[in-house]
Amino acid sequence: MADKRSGPPATPDQVGALAGWFKDFFRQFQLAWRLLFDSEIPWSTKLIPLATMVYLISPVDFVPDPALGLGQLDDLAILLIGMRLFVDVCPPDIVAKHTAALEGKAIEEAWTAVDNEVIDVEPELPIEEDKKTEEETL
């Protein structure tokens, strides 16, 4: 029997890219999991992963699951989008703290918001500027 293959074997770059993608996905999942159980994250933000899981479990789908793999791909896309949205909506300093912990860095090295920097601006409307120039000319 002849050994039939569907195409050329994967190159090391392709295998490395796929392995990197799985590593990033797993790291993102760990980060989302840690944030989900962090008491500093508001409960309203924690509704995002809950809504994602409800969609995955519910029988209502954008693409039906029996549709030859497409149904599973849309579920995977919703999972990735929901997980990314949850991390993006969480406060950046808390995300940085958990990211530093996952990378084995000290929490002091994590990004923190600058509290003492204040930008004070007094906006002026163009109408007020016109009145000032009129008053100055009189």
C-alpha atoms as a PDB file:
ATOM      1  CA  MET A   1       0.000   0.000   0.000  1.00  0.00           C
ATOM      2  CA  ALA A   2       1.210   3.432  -0.830  1.00  0.00           C
ATOM      3  CA  ASP A   3       1.498   5.979   1.925  1.00  0.00           C
ATOM      4  CA  LYS A   4      -0.824   8.830   0.896  1.00  0.00           C
ATOM      5  CA  ARG A   5      -0.331  12.266   2.375  1.00  0.00           C
ATOM      6  CA  SER A   6      -2.552  15.267   2.042  1.00  0.00           C
ATOM      7  CA  GLY A   7       0.270  17.736   1.587  1.00  0.00           C
ATOM      8  CA  PRO A   8       3.824  18.610   2.440  1.00  0.00           C
ATOM      9  CA  PRO A   9       4.913  18.166   6.047  1.00  0.00           C
ATOM     10  CA  ALA A  10       4.778  21.167   8.328  1.00  0.00           C
ATOM     11  CA  THR A  11       7.917  23.249   8.534  1.00  0.00           C
ATOM     12  CA  PRO A  12       9.537  23.944  11.901  1.00  0.00           C
ATOM     13  CA  ASP A  13       8.383  27.573  11.629  1.00  0.00           C
ATOM     14  CA  GLN A  14       4.767  26.479  11.240  1.00  0.00           C
ATOM     15  CA  VAL A  15       5.023  24.076  14.167  1.00  0.00           C
ATOM     16  CA  GLY A  16       6.667  26.793  16.274  1.00  0.00           C
ATOM     17  CA  ALA A  17       3.964  29.305  15.369  1.00  0.00           C
ATOM     18  CA  LEU A  18       1.229  26.850  16.335  1.00  0.00           C
ATOM     19  CA  ALA A  19       2.984  25.986  19.588  1.00  0.00           C
ATOM     20  CA  GLY A  20       3.380  29.713  20.324  1.00  0.00           C
ATOM     21  CA  TRP A  21      -0.316  30.272  19.664  1.00  0.00           C
ATOM     22  CA  PHE A  22      -1.279  27.489  22.099  1.00  0.00           C
ATOM     23  CA  LYS A  23       1.135  28.885  24.686  1.00  0.00           C
ATOM     24  CA  ASP A  24      -0.380  32.378  24.331  1.00  0.00           C
ATOM     25  CA  PHE A  25      -3.901  30.929  24.539  1.00  0.00           C
ATOM     26  CA  PHE A  26      -3.042  28.982  27.683  1.00  0.00           C
ATOM     27  CA  ARG A  27      -1.398  32.057  29.268  1.00  0.00           C
ATOM     28  CA  GLN A  28      -4.441  34.199  28.396  1.00  0.00           C
ATOM     29  CA  PHE A  29      -6.729  31.534  29.887  1.00  0.00           C
ATOM     30  CA  GLN A  30      -4.660  31.472  33.101  1.00  0.00           C
ATOM     31  CA  LEU A  31      -4.827  35.258  33.314  1.00  0.00           C
ATOM     32  CA  ALA A  32      -8.596  35.305  32.768  1.00  0.00           C
ATOM     33  CA  TRP A  33      -9.048  32.548  35.361  1.00  0.00           C
ATOM     34  CA  ARG A  34      -7.031  34.476  37.960  1.00  0.00           C
ATOM     35  CA  LEU A  35      -8.933  37.686  37.227  1.00  0.00           C
ATOM     36  CA  LEU A  36     -12.263  35.885  37.501  1.00  0.00           C
ATOM     37  CA  PHE A  37     -11.533  34.969  41.115  1.00  0.00           C
ATOM     38  CA  ASP A  38      -9.920  38.292  42.077  1.00  0.00           C
ATOM     39  CA  SER A  39     -12.042  40.203  44.585  1.00  0.00           C
ATOM     40  CA  GLU A  40     -10.874  43.568  43.182  1.00  0.00           C
ATOM     41  CA  ILE A  41     -12.599  42.932  39.846  1.00  0.00           C
ATOM     42  CA  PRO A  42     -16.186  44.257  39.827  1.00  0.00           C
ATOM     43  CA  TRP A  43     -18.895  41.636  39.580  1.00  0.00           C
ATOM     44  CA  SER A  44     -20.376  43.392  36.559  1.00  0.00           C
ATOM     45  CA  THR A  45     -17.129  42.750  34.678  1.00  0.00           C
ATOM     46  CA  LYS A  46     -17.264  39.100  35.671  1.00  0.00           C
ATOM     47  CA  LEU A  47     -20.534  38.794  33.741  1.00  0.00           C
ATOM     48  CA  ILE A  48     -18.547  38.719  30.464  1.00  0.00           C
ATOM     49  CA  PRO A  49     -17.060  35.221  30.976  1.00  0.00           C
ATOM     50  CA  LEU A  50     -20.395  34.063  32.408  1.00  0.00           C
ATOM     51  CA  ALA A  51     -22.218  35.260  29.276  1.00  0.00           C
ATOM     52  CA  THR A  52     -19.586  33.564  27.129  1.00  0.00           C
ATOM     53  CA  MET A  53     -20.100  30.247  28.906  1.00  0.00           C
ATOM     54  CA  VAL A  54     -23.893  30.574  28.674  1.00  0.00           C
ATOM     55  CA  TYR A  55     -23.565  31.065  24.911  1.00  0.00           C
ATOM     56  CA  LEU A  56     -21.314  28.007  24.597  1.00  0.00           C
ATOM     57  CA  ILE A  57     -23.742  25.830  26.558  1.00  0.00           C
ATOM     58  CA  SER A  58     -26.966  27.167  25.048  1.00  0.00           C
ATOM     59  CA  PRO A  59     -28.557  25.399  22.084  1.00  0.00           C
ATOM     60  CA  VAL A  60     -28.883  28.720  20.229  1.00  0.00           C
ATOM     61  CA  ASP A  61     -25.873  29.317  17.980  1.00  0.00           C
ATOM     62  CA  PHE A  62     -24.821  31.708  15.224  1.00  0.00           C
ATOM     63  CA  VAL A  63     -23.699  28.685  13.218  1.00  0.00           C
ATOM     64  CA  PRO A  64     -25.293  25.335  14.144  1.00  0.00           C
ATOM     65  CA  ASP A  65     -22.872  22.781  15.601  1.00  0.00           C
ATOM     66  CA  PRO A  66     -23.690  19.985  13.108  1.00  0.00           C
ATOM     67  CA  ALA A  67     -22.375  22.205  10.268  1.00  0.00           C
ATOM     68  CA  LEU A  68     -19.160  20.219   9.642  1.00  0.00           C
ATOM     69  CA  GLY A  69     -16.779  21.990  11.975  1.00  0.00           C
ATOM     70  CA  LEU A  70     -18.008  25.533  11.385  1.00  0.00           C
ATOM     71  CA  GLY A  71     -20.208  25.341  14.457  1.00  0.00           C
ATOM     72  CA  GLN A  72     -17.214  24.478  16.610  1.00  0.00           C
ATOM     73  CA  LEU A  73     -15.141  27.249  15.034  1.00  0.00           C
ATOM     74  CA  ASP A  74     -17.707  29.903  15.918  1.00  0.00           C
ATOM     75  CA  ASP A  75     -17.785  28.557  19.491  1.00  0.00           C
ATOM     76  CA  LEU A  76     -13.993  28.811  19.624  1.00  0.00           C
ATOM     77  CA  ALA A  77     -14.143  32.356  18.241  1.00  0.00           C
ATOM     78  CA  ILE A  78     -16.740  33.382  20.856  1.00  0.00           C
ATOM     79  CA  LEU A  79     -14.583  31.836  23.592  1.00  0.00           C
ATOM     80  CA  LEU A  80     -11.480  33.737  22.427  1.00  0.00           C
ATOM     81  CA  ILE A  81     -13.351  37.021  21.993  1.00  0.00           C
ATOM     82  CA  GLY A  82     -15.081  36.700  25.371  1.00  0.00           C
ATOM     83  CA  MET A  83     -11.832  35.889  27.152  1.00  0.00           C
ATOM     84  CA  ARG A  84      -9.973  38.775  25.468  1.00  0.00           C
ATOM     85  CA  LEU A  85     -12.817  41.225  26.132  1.00  0.00           C
ATOM     86  CA  PHE A  86     -12.884  40.247  29.815  1.00  0.00           C
ATOM     87  CA  VAL A  87      -9.141  40.851  30.210  1.00  0.00           C
ATOM     88  CA  ASP A  88      -9.351  44.161  28.301  1.00  0.00           C
ATOM     89  CA  VAL A  89     -12.225  45.449  30.457  1.00  0.00           C
ATOM     90  CA  CYS A  90     -10.493  44.611  33.749  1.00  0.00           C
ATOM     91  CA  PRO A  91      -8.526  47.434  35.422  1.00  0.00           C
ATOM     92  CA  PRO A  92      -5.035  47.607  33.834  1.00  0.00           C
ATOM     93  CA  ASP A  93      -3.131  47.717  37.119  1.00  0.00           C
ATOM     94  CA  ILE A  94      -4.783  44.515  38.343  1.00  0.00           C
ATOM     95  CA  VAL A  95      -4.154  42.813  34.983  1.00  0.00           C
ATOM     96  CA  ALA A  96      -0.497  43.895  35.155  1.00  0.00           C
ATOM     97  CA  LYS A  97      -0.201  42.507  38.685  1.00  0.00           C
ATOM     98  CA  HIS A  98      -1.548  39.094  37.628  1.00  0.00           C
ATOM     99  CA  THR A  99       0.521  39.079  34.431  1.00  0.00           C
ATOM    100  CA  ALA A 100       3.668  39.747  36.451  1.00  0.00           C
ATOM    101  CA  ALA A 101       2.757  36.922  38.837  1.00  0.00           C
ATOM    102  CA  LEU A 102       2.232  34.519  35.910  1.00  0.00           C
ATOM    103  CA  GLU A 103       5.598  35.492  34.414  1.00  0.00           C
ATOM    104  CA  GLY A 104       7.327  35.006  37.760  1.00  0.00           C
ATOM    105  CA  LYS A 105       8.224  38.676  38.158  1.00  0.00           C
ATOM    106  CA  ALA A 106       7.913  40.671  41.342  1.00  0.00           C
ATOM    107  CA  ILE A 107       4.627  42.503  41.717  1.00  0.00           C
ATOM    108  CA  GLU A 108       6.571  45.757  42.170  1.00  0.00           C
ATOM    109  CA  GLU A 109       7.718  45.424  38.533  1.00  0.00           C
ATOM    110  CA  ALA A 110       4.114  45.442  37.333  1.00  0.00           C
ATOM    111  CA  TRP A 111       2.581  48.518  35.774  1.00  0.00           C
ATOM    112  CA  THR A 112       0.736  50.809  38.154  1.00  0.00           C
ATOM    113  CA  ALA A 113      -1.489  53.753  37.468  1.00  0.00           C
ATOM    114  CA  VAL A 114      -0.011  57.169  38.198  1.00  0.00           C
ATOM    115  CA  ASP A 115      -2.166  58.829  40.851  1.00  0.00           C
ATOM    116  CA  ASN A 116      -0.261  62.059  41.304  1.00  0.00           C
ATOM    117  CA  GLU A 117      -0.367  63.165  37.672  1.00  0.00           C
ATOM    118  CA  VAL A 118      -3.239  65.565  37.051  1.00  0.00           C
ATOM    119  CA  ILE A 119      -4.005  67.279  33.793  1.00  0.00           C
ATOM    120  CA  ASP A 120      -6.036  70.398  34.466  1.00  0.00           C
ATOM    121  CA  VAL A 121      -7.668  71.906  31.427  1.00  0.00           C
ATOM    122  CA  GLU A 122     -10.275  74.631  31.171  1.00  0.00           C
ATOM    123  CA  PRO A 123     -11.983  74.323  27.818  1.00  0.00           C
ATOM    124  CA  GLU A 124     -13.065  77.454  26.067  1.00  0.00           C
ATOM    125  CA  LEU A 125     -15.926  77.501  23.629  1.00  0.00           C
ATOM    126  CA  PRO A 126     -15.384  79.306  20.320  1.00  0.00           C
ATOM    127  CA  ILE A 127     -18.407  81.525  21.047  1.00  0.00           C
ATOM    128  CA  GLU A 128     -16.758  82.841  24.205  1.00  0.00           C
ATOM    129  CA  GLU A 129     -13.596  83.653  22.264  1.00  0.00           C
ATOM    130  CA  ASP A 130     -15.628  85.674  19.747  1.00  0.00           C
ATOM    131  CA  LYS A 131     -17.255  87.636  22.589  1.00  0.00           C
ATOM    132  CA  LYS A 132     -13.846  88.341  24.162  1.00  0.00           C
ATOM    133  CA  THR A 133     -12.450  89.701  20.918  1.00  0.00           C
ATOM    134  CA  GLU A 134     -15.542  91.873  20.432  1.00  0.00           C
ATOM    135  CA  GLU A 135     -15.237  93.243  23.990  1.00  0.00           C
ATOM    136  CA  GLU A 136     -11.542  93.926  23.531  1.00  0.00           C
ATOM    137  CA  THR A 137     -12.173  95.921  20.337  1.00  0.00           C
ATOM    138  CA  LEU A 138     -14.842  98.097  22.013  1.00  0.00           C
END
